[in-house]
PDB file of N, CA and C in Angstrom:
ATOM      1  N   MET A   1      19.117   6.414   4.949  1.00  0.00           N
ATOM      2  CA  MET A   1      17.913   7.105   5.373  1.00  0.00           C
ATOM      3  C   MET A   1      16.697   6.278   4.956  1.00  0.00           C
ATOM      4  N   ALA A   2      15.912   5.843   5.910  1.00  0.00           N
ATOM      5  CA  ALA A   2      14.732   5.025   5.616  1.00  0.00           C
ATOM      6  C   ALA A   2      13.546   5.935   5.320  1.00  0.00           C
ATOM      7  N   MET A   3      12.858   5.610   4.225  1.00  0.00           N
ATOM      8  CA  MET A   3      11.689   6.403   3.844  1.00  0.00           C
ATOM      9  C   MET A   3      10.431   5.571   4.006  1.00  0.00           C
ATOM     10  N   ASN A   4       9.325   6.240   4.264  1.00  0.00           N
ATOM     11  CA  ASN A   4       8.045   5.556   4.301  1.00  0.00           C
ATOM     12  C   ASN A   4       7.631   5.205   2.886  1.00  0.00           C
ATOM     13  N   LYS A   5       6.616   4.362   2.770  1.00  0.00           N
ATOM     14  CA  LYS A   5       6.080   4.043   1.449  1.00  0.00           C
ATOM     15  C   LYS A   5       5.478   5.299   0.839  1.00  0.00           C
ATOM     16  N   LEU A   6       5.505   5.359  -0.484  1.00  0.00           N
ATOM     17  CA  LEU A   6       4.970   6.529  -1.174  1.00  0.00           C
ATOM     18  C   LEU A   6       3.450   6.573  -1.130  1.00  0.00           C
ATOM     19  N   GLY A   7       2.793   5.432  -1.280  1.00  0.00           N
ATOM     20  CA  GLY A   7       1.337   5.407  -1.314  1.00  0.00           C
ATOM     21  C   GLY A   7       0.781   5.609  -2.701  1.00  0.00           C
ATOM     22  N   VAL A   8       1.516   6.328  -3.546  1.00  0.00           N
ATOM     23  CA  VAL A   8       1.093   6.514  -4.927  1.00  0.00           C
ATOM     24  C   VAL A   8       1.993   5.666  -5.823  1.00  0.00           C
ATOM     25  N   LYS A   9       1.457   5.281  -6.983  1.00  0.00           N
ATOM     26  CA  LYS A   9       2.190   4.400  -7.887  1.00  0.00           C
ATOM     27  C   LYS A   9       2.290   5.028  -9.271  1.00  0.00           C
ATOM     28  N   THR A  10       3.168   4.486 -10.083  1.00  0.00           N
ATOM     29  CA  THR A  10       3.291   4.914 -11.467  1.00  0.00           C
ATOM     30  C   THR A  10       1.950   4.692 -12.173  1.00  0.00           C
ATOM     31  N   GLY A  11       1.476   5.712 -12.881  1.00  0.00           N
ATOM     32  CA  GLY A  11       0.199   5.613 -13.587  1.00  0.00           C
ATOM     33  C   GLY A  11      -0.966   6.235 -12.842  1.00  0.00           C
ATOM     34  N   ASP A  12      -0.816   6.511 -11.535  1.00  0.00           N
ATOM     35  CA  ASP A  12      -1.880   7.158 -10.766  1.00  0.00           C
ATOM     36  C   ASP A  12      -2.035   8.613 -11.206  1.00  0.00           C
ATOM     37  N   THR A  13      -3.255   9.131 -11.141  1.00  0.00           N
ATOM     38  CA  THR A  13      -3.498  10.549 -11.388  1.00  0.00           C
ATOM     39  C   THR A  13      -3.451  11.262 -10.040  1.00  0.00           C
ATOM     40  N   VAL A  14      -2.667  12.337  -9.971  1.00  0.00           N
ATOM     41  CA  VAL A  14      -2.495  13.074  -8.719  1.00  0.00           C
ATOM     42  C   VAL A  14      -2.712  14.559  -8.960  1.00  0.00           C
ATOM     43  N   VAL A  15      -2.955  15.295  -7.872  1.00  0.00           N
ATOM     44  CA  VAL A  15      -3.070  16.749  -7.923  1.00  0.00           C
ATOM     45  C   VAL A  15      -2.026  17.316  -6.955  1.00  0.00           C
ATOM     46  N   VAL A  16      -1.334  18.386  -7.389  1.00  0.00           N
ATOM     47  CA  VAL A  16      -0.305  19.019  -6.565  1.00  0.00           C
ATOM     48  C   VAL A  16      -0.987  19.896  -5.527  1.00  0.00           C
ATOM     49  N   ILE A  17      -0.599  19.756  -4.250  1.00  0.00           N
ATOM     50  CA  ILE A  17      -1.275  20.487  -3.175  1.00  0.00           C
ATOM     51  C   ILE A  17      -0.479  21.678  -2.651  1.00  0.00           C
ATOM     52  N   SER A  18       0.801  21.809  -3.048  1.00  0.00           N
ATOM     53  CA  SER A  18       1.560  22.988  -2.621  1.00  0.00           C
ATOM     54  C   SER A  18       2.695  23.255  -3.593  1.00  0.00           C
ATOM     55  N   GLY A  19       3.208  24.491  -3.541  1.00  0.00           N
ATOM     56  CA  GLY A  19       4.312  24.887  -4.413  1.00  0.00           C
ATOM     57  C   GLY A  19       3.829  25.690  -5.609  1.00  0.00           C
ATOM     58  N   LYS A  20       4.758  25.947  -6.530  1.00  0.00           N
ATOM     59  CA  LYS A  20       4.443  26.800  -7.687  1.00  0.00           C
ATOM     60  C   LYS A  20       3.436  26.172  -8.631  1.00  0.00           C
ATOM     61  N   ASP A  21       3.316  24.847  -8.624  1.00  0.00           N
ATOM     62  CA  ASP A  21       2.382  24.156  -9.512  1.00  0.00           C
ATOM     63  C   ASP A  21       1.115  23.705  -8.798  1.00  0.00           C
ATOM     64  N   LYS A  22       0.775  24.351  -7.684  1.00  0.00           N
ATOM     65  CA  LYS A  22      -0.405  23.977  -6.890  1.00  0.00           C
ATOM     66  C   LYS A  22      -1.664  23.962  -7.759  1.00  0.00           C
ATOM     67  N   GLY A  23      -2.437  22.863  -7.649  1.00  0.00           N
ATOM     68  CA  GLY A  23      -3.686  22.739  -8.388  1.00  0.00           C
ATOM     69  C   GLY A  23      -3.565  21.977  -9.697  1.00  0.00           C
ATOM     70  N   LYS A  24      -2.343  21.770 -10.186  1.00  0.00           N
ATOM     71  CA  LYS A  24      -2.165  21.055 -11.453  1.00  0.00           C
ATOM     72  C   LYS A  24      -2.372  19.560 -11.247  1.00  0.00           C
ATOM     73  N   GLN A  25      -2.954  18.915 -12.251  1.00  0.00           N
ATOM     74  CA  GLN A  25      -3.159  17.466 -12.220  1.00  0.00           C
ATOM     75  C   GLN A  25      -2.311  16.809 -13.289  1.00  0.00           C
ATOM     76  N   GLY A  26      -1.928  15.569 -13.039  1.00  0.00           N
ATOM     77  CA  GLY A  26      -1.166  14.827 -14.037  1.00  0.00           C
ATOM     78  C   GLY A  26      -0.954  13.391 -13.594  1.00  0.00           C
ATOM     79  N   LYS A  27      -0.475  12.569 -14.529  1.00  0.00           N
ATOM     80  CA  LYS A  27      -0.191  11.162 -14.237  1.00  0.00           C
ATOM     81  C   LYS A  27       1.246  11.029 -13.765  1.00  0.00           C
ATOM     82  N   ILE A  28       1.477  10.095 -12.852  1.00  0.00           N
ATOM     83  CA  ILE A  28       2.832   9.829 -12.377  1.00  0.00           C
ATOM     84  C   ILE A  28       3.551   9.023 -13.451  1.00  0.00           C
ATOM     85  N   GLN A  29       4.671   9.567 -13.938  1.00  0.00           N
ATOM     86  CA  GLN A  29       5.455   8.885 -14.960  1.00  0.00           C
ATOM     87  C   GLN A  29       6.474   7.950 -14.328  1.00  0.00           C
ATOM     88  N   LYS A  30       7.056   8.356 -13.207  1.00  0.00           N
ATOM     89  CA  LYS A  30       8.082   7.551 -12.559  1.00  0.00           C
ATOM     90  C   LYS A  30       8.073   7.842 -11.065  1.00  0.00           C
ATOM     91  N   ALA A  31       8.333   6.812 -10.263  1.00  0.00           N
ATOM     92  CA  ALA A  31       8.377   6.961  -8.812  1.00  0.00           C
ATOM     93  C   ALA A  31       9.725   6.484  -8.295  1.00  0.00           C
ATOM     94  N   PHE A  32      10.261   7.201  -7.314  1.00  0.00           N
ATOM     95  CA  PHE A  32      11.536   6.858  -6.693  1.00  0.00           C
ATOM     96  C   PHE A  32      11.325   6.666  -5.188  1.00  0.00           C
ATOM     97  N   PRO A  33      10.933   5.456  -4.748  1.00  0.00           N
ATOM     98  CA  PRO A  33      10.633   5.227  -3.327  1.00  0.00           C
ATOM     99  C   PRO A  33      11.822   5.480  -2.406  1.00  0.00           C
ATOM    100  N   SER A  34      13.039   5.229  -2.881  1.00  0.00           N
ATOM    101  CA  SER A  34      14.214   5.396  -2.010  1.00  0.00           C
ATOM    102  C   SER A  34      14.439   6.853  -1.625  1.00  0.00           C
ATOM    103  N   THR A  35      14.076   7.791  -2.512  1.00  0.00           N
ATOM    104  CA  THR A  35      14.245   9.217  -2.210  1.00  0.00           C
ATOM    105  C   THR A  35      12.929   9.894  -1.847  1.00  0.00           C
ATOM    106  N   GLY A  36      11.799   9.190  -2.038  1.00  0.00           N
ATOM    107  CA  GLY A  36      10.489   9.767  -1.717  1.00  0.00           C
ATOM    108  C   GLY A  36      10.027  10.790  -2.732  1.00  0.00           C
ATOM    109  N   LYS A  37      10.512  10.687  -3.977  1.00  0.00           N
ATOM    110  CA  LYS A  37      10.149  11.654  -5.016  1.00  0.00           C
ATOM    111  C   LYS A  37       9.444  10.967  -6.176  1.00  0.00           C
ATOM    112  N   ILE A  38       8.716  11.786  -6.951  1.00  0.00           N
ATOM    113  CA  ILE A  38       7.997  11.289  -8.119  1.00  0.00           C
ATOM    114  C   ILE A  38       8.138  12.292  -9.257  1.00  0.00           C
ATOM    115  N   ILE A  39       7.908  11.813 -10.484  1.00  0.00           N
ATOM    116  CA  ILE A  39       7.873  12.697 -11.650  1.00  0.00           C
ATOM    117  C   ILE A  39       6.451  12.665 -12.194  1.00  0.00           C
ATOM    118  N   VAL A  40       5.818  13.842 -12.257  1.00  0.00           N
ATOM    119  CA  VAL A  40       4.440  13.969 -12.719  1.00  0.00           C
ATOM    120  C   VAL A  40       4.457  14.727 -14.045  1.00  0.00           C
ATOM    121  N   GLU A  41       3.703  14.216 -15.049  1.00  0.00           N
ATOM    122  CA  GLU A  41       3.718  14.852 -16.362  1.00  0.00           C
ATOM    123  C   GLU A  41       3.131  16.261 -16.311  1.00  0.00           C
ATOM    124  N   GLY A  42       3.870  17.219 -16.885  1.00  0.00           N
ATOM    125  CA  GLY A  42       3.416  18.598 -16.955  1.00  0.00           C
ATOM    126  C   GLY A  42       3.598  19.409 -15.685  1.00  0.00           C
ATOM    127  N   VAL A  43       4.270  18.841 -14.676  1.00  0.00           N
ATOM    128  CA  VAL A  43       4.467  19.528 -13.391  1.00  0.00           C
ATOM    129  C   VAL A  43       5.964  19.702 -13.146  1.00  0.00           C
ATOM    130  N   ALA A  44       6.362  20.828 -12.578  1.00  0.00           N
ATOM    131  CA  ALA A  44       7.758  21.142 -12.237  1.00  0.00           C
ATOM    132  C   ALA A  44       8.641  21.114 -13.482  1.00  0.00           C
ATOM    133  N   MET A  45       8.226  21.847 -14.497  1.00  0.00           N
ATOM    134  CA  MET A  45       8.977  21.879 -15.751  1.00  0.00           C
ATOM    135  C   MET A  45      10.269  22.677 -15.569  1.00  0.00           C
ATOM    136  N   VAL A  46      11.372  22.120 -16.082  1.00  0.00           N
ATOM    137  CA  VAL A  46      12.679  22.780 -16.039  1.00  0.00           C
ATOM    138  C   VAL A  46      13.273  22.761 -17.442  1.00  0.00           C
ATOM    139  N   LYS A  47      14.217  23.676 -17.686  1.00  0.00           N
ATOM    140  CA  LYS A  47      14.909  23.709 -18.969  1.00  0.00           C
ATOM    141  C   LYS A  47      16.221  22.945 -18.817  1.00  0.00           C
ATOM    142  N   LYS A  48      16.517  22.076 -19.795  1.00  0.00           N
ATOM    143  CA  LYS A  48      17.747  21.292 -19.763  1.00  0.00           C
ATOM    144  C   LYS A  48      18.525  21.578 -21.041  1.00  0.00           C
ATOM    145  N   HIS A  49      19.799  21.927 -20.879  1.00  0.00           N
ATOM    146  CA  HIS A  49      20.677  22.160 -22.024  1.00  0.00           C
ATOM    147  C   HIS A  49      21.254  20.813 -22.419  1.00  0.00           C
ATOM    148  N   GLN A  50      20.901  20.331 -23.612  1.00  0.00           N
ATOM    149  CA  GLN A  50      21.273  18.981 -24.022  1.00  0.00           C
ATOM    150  C   GLN A  50      22.153  19.008 -25.261  1.00  0.00           C
ATOM    151  N   LYS A  51      23.240  18.235 -25.191  1.00  0.00           N
ATOM    152  CA  LYS A  51      24.121  18.092 -26.357  1.00  0.00           C
ATOM    153  C   LYS A  51      23.521  17.073 -27.303  1.00  0.00           C
ATOM    154  N   PRO A  52      23.768  17.228 -28.596  1.00  0.00           N
ATOM    155  CA  PRO A  52      23.281  16.203 -29.516  1.00  0.00           C
ATOM    156  C   PRO A  52      24.012  14.889 -29.273  1.00  0.00           C
ATOM    157  N   ARG A  53      23.271  13.797 -29.171  1.00  0.00           N
ATOM    158  CA  ARG A  53      23.861  12.476 -28.929  1.00  0.00           C
ATOM    159  C   ARG A  53      23.518  11.580 -30.110  1.00  0.00           C
ATOM    160  N   GLY A  54      24.496  11.258 -30.899  1.00  0.00           N
ATOM    161  CA  GLY A  54      24.267  10.363 -32.023  1.00  0.00           C
ATOM    162  C   GLY A  54      23.713  11.085 -33.235  1.00  0.00           C
ATOM    163  N   GLN A  55      23.603  10.330 -34.317  1.00  0.00           N
ATOM    164  CA  GLN A  55      23.149  10.891 -35.591  1.00  0.00           C
ATOM    165  C   GLN A  55      21.647  11.181 -35.560  1.00  0.00           C
ATOM    166  N   GLY A  56      21.259  12.340 -35.983  1.00  0.00           N
ATOM    167  CA  GLY A  56      19.849  12.676 -36.098  1.00  0.00           C
ATOM    168  C   GLY A  56      19.211  13.161 -34.801  1.00  0.00           C
ATOM    169  N   MET A  57      19.966  13.214 -33.706  1.00  0.00           N
ATOM    170  CA  MET A  57      19.416  13.725 -32.445  1.00  0.00           C
ATOM    171  C   MET A  57      19.827  15.179 -32.291  1.00  0.00           C
ATOM    172  N   PRO A  58      18.845  16.077 -32.279  1.00  0.00           N
ATOM    173  CA  PRO A  58      19.205  17.495 -32.161  1.00  0.00           C
ATOM    174  C   PRO A  58      19.609  17.863 -30.736  1.00  0.00           C
ATOM    175  N   GLY A  59      20.466  18.853 -30.628  1.00  0.00           N
ATOM    176  CA  GLY A  59      20.806  19.403 -29.326  1.00  0.00           C
ATOM    177  C   GLY A  59      19.983  20.645 -29.089  1.00  0.00           C
ATOM    178  N   GLY A  60      20.194  21.285 -27.953  1.00  0.00           N
ATOM    179  CA  GLY A  60      19.480  22.525 -27.669  1.00  0.00           C
ATOM    180  C   GLY A  60      18.897  22.525 -26.275  1.00  0.00           C
ATOM    181  N   ILE A  61      17.990  23.441 -26.038  1.00  0.00           N
ATOM    182  CA  ILE A  61      17.357  23.583 -24.730  1.00  0.00           C
ATOM    183  C   ILE A  61      16.000  22.885 -24.796  1.00  0.00           C
ATOM    184  N   ILE A  62      15.816  21.879 -23.956  1.00  0.00           N
ATOM    185  CA  ILE A  62      14.551  21.138 -23.949  1.00  0.00           C
ATOM    186  C   ILE A  62      13.838  21.335 -22.615  1.00  0.00           C
ATOM    187  N   ASP A  63      12.521  21.214 -22.644  1.00  0.00           N
ATOM    188  CA  ASP A  63      11.719  21.273 -21.413  1.00  0.00           C
ATOM    189  C   ASP A  63      11.485  19.850 -20.943  1.00  0.00           C
ATOM    190  N   LYS A  64      11.683  19.616 -19.638  1.00  0.00           N
ATOM    191  CA  LYS A  64      11.410  18.298 -19.076  1.00  0.00           C
ATOM    192  C   LYS A  64      10.891  18.437 -17.652  1.00  0.00           C
ATOM    193  N   GLU A  65      10.279  17.371 -17.136  1.00  0.00           N
ATOM    194  CA  GLU A  65       9.739  17.392 -15.788  1.00  0.00           C
ATOM    195  C   GLU A  65      10.837  17.075 -14.775  1.00  0.00           C
ATOM    196  N   ALA A  66      10.819  17.778 -13.655  1.00  0.00           N
ATOM    197  CA  ALA A  66      11.748  17.502 -12.564  1.00  0.00           C
ATOM    198  C   ALA A  66      11.008  16.697 -11.495  1.00  0.00           C
ATOM    199  N   ALA A  67      11.765  16.010 -10.651  1.00  0.00           N
ATOM    200  CA  ALA A  67      11.169  15.216  -9.578  1.00  0.00           C
ATOM    201  C   ALA A  67      10.673  16.145  -8.472  1.00  0.00           C
ATOM    202  N   ILE A  68       9.523  15.805  -7.880  1.00  0.00           N
ATOM    203  CA  ILE A  68       8.975  16.552  -6.756  1.00  0.00           C
ATOM    204  C   ILE A  68       8.726  15.576  -5.608  1.00  0.00           C
ATOM    205  N   PRO A  69       8.700  16.058  -4.367  1.00  0.00           N
ATOM    206  CA  PRO A  69       8.430  15.159  -3.242  1.00  0.00           C
ATOM    207  C   PRO A  69       7.019  14.582  -3.317  1.00  0.00           C
ATOM    208  N   ALA A  70       6.880  13.311  -2.992  1.00  0.00           N
ATOM    209  CA  ALA A  70       5.583  12.631  -3.067  1.00  0.00           C
ATOM    210  C   ALA A  70       4.603  13.192  -2.039  1.00  0.00           C
ATOM    211  N   CYS A  71       5.113  13.821  -0.972  1.00  0.00           N
ATOM    212  CA  CYS A  71       4.228  14.379   0.052  1.00  0.00           C
ATOM    213  C   CYS A  71       3.516  15.641  -0.434  1.00  0.00           C
ATOM    214  N   LYS A  72       3.915  16.179  -1.575  1.00  0.00           N
ATOM    215  CA  LYS A  72       3.317  17.400  -2.127  1.00  0.00           C
ATOM    216  C   LYS A  72       2.156  17.120  -3.080  1.00  0.00           C
ATOM    217  N   VAL A  73       1.757  15.842  -3.203  1.00  0.00           N
ATOM    218  CA  VAL A  73       0.650  15.497  -4.081  1.00  0.00           C
ATOM    219  C   VAL A  73      -0.393  14.677  -3.331  1.00  0.00           C
ATOM    220  N   MET A  74      -1.626  14.710  -3.847  1.00  0.00           N
ATOM    221  CA  MET A  74      -2.709  13.868  -3.329  1.00  0.00           C
ATOM    222  C   MET A  74      -3.271  13.061  -4.482  1.00  0.00           C
ATOM    223  N   LEU A  75      -3.635  11.831  -4.191  1.00  0.00           N
ATOM    224  CA  LEU A  75      -4.221  10.944  -5.182  1.00  0.00           C
ATOM    225  C   LEU A  75      -5.612  11.434  -5.564  1.00  0.00           C
ATOM    226  N   VAL A  76      -5.954  11.347  -6.848  1.00  0.00           N
ATOM    227  CA  VAL A  76      -7.292  11.702  -7.321  1.00  0.00           C
ATOM    228  C   VAL A  76      -8.069  10.395  -7.489  1.00  0.00           C
ATOM    229  N   CYS A  77      -9.230  10.318  -6.831  1.00  0.00           N
ATOM    230  CA  CYS A  77     -10.070   9.123  -6.907  1.00  0.00           C
ATOM    231  C   CYS A  77     -10.615   8.994  -8.328  1.00  0.00           C
ATOM    232  N   PRO A  78     -10.476   7.813  -8.965  1.00  0.00           N
ATOM    233  CA  PRO A  78     -10.984   7.661 -10.327  1.00  0.00           C
ATOM    234  C   PRO A  78     -12.511   7.691 -10.423  1.00  0.00           C
ATOM    235  N   MET A  79     -13.215   7.417  -9.322  1.00  0.00           N
ATOM    236  CA  MET A  79     -14.677   7.405  -9.351  1.00  0.00           C
ATOM    237  C   MET A  79     -15.275   8.803  -9.147  1.00  0.00           C
ATOM    238  N   CYS A  80     -14.908   9.459  -8.012  1.00  0.00           N
ATOM    239  CA  CYS A  80     -15.524  10.752  -7.691  1.00  0.00           C
ATOM    240  C   CYS A  80     -14.708  11.945  -8.195  1.00  0.00           C
ATOM    241  N   LYS A  81     -13.516  11.696  -8.759  1.00  0.00           N
ATOM    242  CA  LYS A  81     -12.643  12.730  -9.339  1.00  0.00           C
ATOM    243  C   LYS A  81     -12.225  13.803  -8.336  1.00  0.00           C
ATOM    244  N   LYS A  82     -12.144  13.449  -7.039  1.00  0.00           N
ATOM    245  CA  LYS A  82     -11.707  14.385  -6.001  1.00  0.00           C
ATOM    246  C   LYS A  82     -10.376  13.921  -5.432  1.00  0.00           C
ATOM    247  N   ALA A  83      -9.581  14.886  -4.947  1.00  0.00           N
ATOM    248  CA  ALA A  83      -8.336  14.535  -4.269  1.00  0.00           C
ATOM    249  C   ALA A  83      -8.698  13.871  -2.942  1.00  0.00           C
ATOM    250  N   THR A  84      -8.023  12.785  -2.626  1.00  0.00           N
ATOM    251  CA  THR A  84      -8.367  12.037  -1.432  1.00  0.00           C
ATOM    252  C   THR A  84      -7.119  11.590  -0.686  1.00  0.00           C
ATOM    253  N   ARG A  85      -7.256  11.470   0.635  1.00  0.00           N
ATOM    254  CA  ARG A  85      -6.194  10.861   1.426  1.00  0.00           C
ATOM    255  C   ARG A  85      -6.242   9.365   1.170  1.00  0.00           C
ATOM    256  N   LEU A  86      -5.113   8.735   1.285  1.00  0.00           N
ATOM    257  CA  LEU A  86      -5.054   7.300   1.047  1.00  0.00           C
ATOM    258  C   LEU A  86      -5.450   6.522   2.290  1.00  0.00           C
ATOM    259  N   ALA A  87      -6.171   5.450   2.088  1.00  0.00           N
ATOM    260  CA  ALA A  87      -6.513   4.529   3.166  1.00  0.00           C
ATOM    261  C   ALA A  87      -6.401   3.119   2.596  1.00  0.00           C
ATOM    262  N   TYR A  88      -6.173   2.175   3.471  1.00  0.00           N
ATOM    263  CA  TYR A  88      -6.009   0.794   3.037  1.00  0.00           C
ATOM    264  C   TYR A  88      -7.011  -0.092   3.740  1.00  0.00           C
ATOM    265  N   LYS A  89      -7.426  -1.162   3.063  1.00  0.00           N
ATOM    266  CA  LYS A  89      -8.251  -2.184   3.689  1.00  0.00           C
ATOM    267  C   LYS A  89      -7.939  -3.515   3.015  1.00  0.00           C
ATOM    268  N   PHE A  90      -8.282  -4.588   3.709  1.00  0.00           N
ATOM    269  CA  PHE A  90      -8.071  -5.920   3.159  1.00  0.00           C
ATOM    270  C   PHE A  90      -9.390  -6.422   2.598  1.00  0.00           C
ATOM    271  N   ILE A  91      -9.354  -6.945   1.368  1.00  0.00           N
ATOM    272  CA  ILE A  91     -10.564  -7.517   0.788  1.00  0.00           C
ATOM    273  C   ILE A  91     -10.362  -9.021   0.632  1.00  0.00           C
ATOM    274  N   GLU A  92     -11.441  -9.752   0.835  1.00  0.00           N
ATOM    275  CA  GLU A  92     -11.398 -11.209   0.728  1.00  0.00           C
ATOM    276  C   GLU A  92     -11.490 -11.624  -0.743  1.00  0.00           C
ATOM    277  N   VAL A  93     -10.641 -12.551  -1.124  1.00  0.00           N
ATOM    278  CA  VAL A  93     -10.699 -13.127  -2.457  1.00  0.00           C
ATOM    279  C   VAL A  93     -10.942 -14.617  -2.266  1.00  0.00           C
ATOM    280  N   GLU A  94     -11.950 -15.138  -2.950  1.00  0.00           N
ATOM    281  CA  GLU A  94     -12.337 -16.529  -2.744  1.00  0.00           C
ATOM    282  C   GLU A  94     -11.179 -17.485  -3.007  1.00  0.00           C
ATOM    283  N   GLY A  95     -10.907 -18.328  -2.016  1.00  0.00           N
ATOM    284  CA  GLY A  95      -9.867 -19.342  -2.156  1.00  0.00           C
ATOM    285  C   GLY A  95      -8.447 -18.830  -2.027  1.00  0.00           C
ATOM    286  N   LYS A  96      -8.275 -17.523  -1.767  1.00  0.00           N
ATOM    287  CA  LYS A  96      -6.935 -16.954  -1.628  1.00  0.00           C
ATOM    288  C   LYS A  96      -6.877 -16.135  -0.353  1.00  0.00           C
ATOM    289  N   LYS A  97      -5.656 -15.731   0.023  1.00  0.00           N
ATOM    290  CA  LYS A  97      -5.527 -14.895   1.215  1.00  0.00           C
ATOM    291  C   LYS A  97      -5.998 -13.467   0.924  1.00  0.00           C
ATOM    292  N   PRO A  98      -6.418 -12.716   1.947  1.00  0.00           N
ATOM    293  CA  PRO A  98      -6.914 -11.347   1.733  1.00  0.00           C
ATOM    294  C   PRO A  98      -5.860 -10.465   1.060  1.00  0.00           C
ATOM    295  N   ARG A  99      -6.338  -9.510   0.246  1.00  0.00           N
ATOM    296  CA  ARG A  99      -5.472  -8.620  -0.520  1.00  0.00           C
ATOM    297  C   ARG A  99      -5.620  -7.198  -0.007  1.00  0.00           C
ATOM    298  N   LYS A 100      -4.494  -6.506   0.168  1.00  0.00           N
ATOM    299  CA  LYS A 100      -4.503  -5.121   0.640  1.00  0.00           C
ATOM    300  C   LYS A 100      -4.727  -4.188  -0.544  1.00  0.00           C
ATOM    301  N   VAL A 101      -5.757  -3.332  -0.452  1.00  0.00           N
ATOM    302  CA  VAL A 101      -6.071  -2.405  -1.535  1.00  0.00           C
ATOM    303  C   VAL A 101      -6.225  -0.983  -0.991  1.00  0.00           C
ATOM    304  N   ARG A 102      -6.043   0.001  -1.885  1.00  0.00           N
ATOM    305  CA  ARG A 102      -6.255   1.402  -1.519  1.00  0.00           C
ATOM    306  C   ARG A 102      -7.699   1.762  -1.818  1.00  0.00           C
ATOM    307  N   TYR A 103      -8.271   2.666  -1.004  1.00  0.00           N
ATOM    308  CA  TYR A 103      -9.640   3.109  -1.280  1.00  0.00           C
ATOM    309  C   TYR A 103      -9.797   4.585  -0.951  1.00  0.00           C
ATOM    310  N   CYS A 104     -10.872   5.184  -1.510  1.00  0.00           N
ATOM    311  CA  CYS A 104     -11.180   6.606  -1.351  1.00  0.00           C
ATOM    312  C   CYS A 104     -11.751   6.858   0.038  1.00  0.00           C
ATOM    313  N   LYS A 105     -11.296   7.916   0.710  1.00  0.00           N
ATOM    314  CA  LYS A 105     -11.746   8.233   2.061  1.00  0.00           C
ATOM    315  C   LYS A 105     -13.038   9.049   2.094  1.00  0.00           C
ATOM    316  N   HIS A 106     -13.517   9.540   0.939  1.00  0.00           N
ATOM    317  CA  HIS A 106     -14.751  10.323   0.934  1.00  0.00           C
ATOM    318  C   HIS A 106     -15.935   9.439   1.312  1.00  0.00           C
ATOM    319  N   LYS A 107     -16.774   9.941   2.212  1.00  0.00           N
ATOM    320  CA  LYS A 107     -17.893   9.145   2.721  1.00  0.00           C
ATOM    321  C   LYS A 107     -18.877   8.729   1.625  1.00  0.00           C
ATOM    322  N   ALA A 108     -19.125   9.625   0.695  1.00  0.00           N
ATOM    323  CA  ALA A 108     -20.090   9.330  -0.363  1.00  0.00           C
ATOM    324  C   ALA A 108     -19.521   8.342  -1.385  1.00  0.00           C
ATOM    325  N   CYS A 109     -18.218   8.263  -1.512  1.00  0.00           N
ATOM    326  CA  CYS A 109     -17.611   7.437  -2.551  1.00  0.00           C
ATOM    327  C   CYS A 109     -17.160   6.084  -1.996  1.00  0.00           C
ATOM    328  N   GLY A 110     -16.026   6.054  -1.300  1.00  0.00           N
ATOM    329  CA  GLY A 110     -15.505   4.812  -0.723  1.00  0.00           C
ATOM    330  C   GLY A 110     -15.067   3.784  -1.749  1.00  0.00           C
ATOM    331  N   ALA A 111     -14.790   4.212  -2.995  1.00  0.00           N
ATOM    332  CA  ALA A 111     -14.451   3.274  -4.077  1.00  0.00           C
ATOM    333  C   ALA A 111     -13.043   2.707  -3.896  1.00  0.00           C
ATOM    334  N   THR A 112     -12.873   1.475  -4.338  1.00  0.00           N
ATOM    335  CA  THR A 112     -11.550   0.848  -4.339  1.00  0.00           C
ATOM    336  C   THR A 112     -10.744   1.408  -5.504  1.00  0.00           C
ATOM    337  N   ILE A 113      -9.521   1.848  -5.226  1.00  0.00           N
ATOM    338  CA  ILE A 113      -8.683   2.462  -6.246  1.00  0.00           C
ATOM    339  C   ILE A 113      -7.893   1.397  -7.003  1.00  0.00           C
ATOM    340  N   ASP A 114      -7.385   0.383  -6.312  1.00  0.00           N
ATOM    341  CA  ASP A 114      -6.640  -0.699  -6.965  1.00  0.00           C
ATOM    342  C   ASP A 114      -7.597  -1.681  -7.620  1.00  0.00           C
ATOM    343  N   LYS A 115      -7.168  -2.240  -8.723  1.00  0.00           N
ATOM    344  CA  LYS A 115      -7.998  -3.220  -9.419  1.00  0.00           C
ATOM    345  C   LYS A 115      -7.910  -4.566  -8.733  1.00  0.00           C
TER     346      LYS A 115
END
C-alpha cells in the first residue's frame, strides 16, 4: 500500500483537529511514513500492562502515547502560533541548487517553517 508523504516531521509542533483529543497540542515524538501514523506527546494516551524486564525495572500499568493518523493533525506555525495547511516552495541558495521548504499559508505570516 503506497502512502503519500506525511508533511510533518519528528520535532514539529502539531494540533489535533479531530477525535477525542481534538484541540490538544504537542510535539511529534516519532513518525511512521509507511503506515501514515505519528506519535504525539500527551495525545492518545493508552494504558499498557508491562512485565518487569531486568533488574530494577518495575512492572505494572503504565500510560503511553498511541499512534494516530497523520491526517488528523495540523502543523502549528512557529511564527504566528496558528494551525496551518502545509505548502511548499523552492528557495534559492547562493551557489547551490534551489531547496524545497515548507511555509505558513496564512496571508499575514507566510513564514518559512524549515530552517
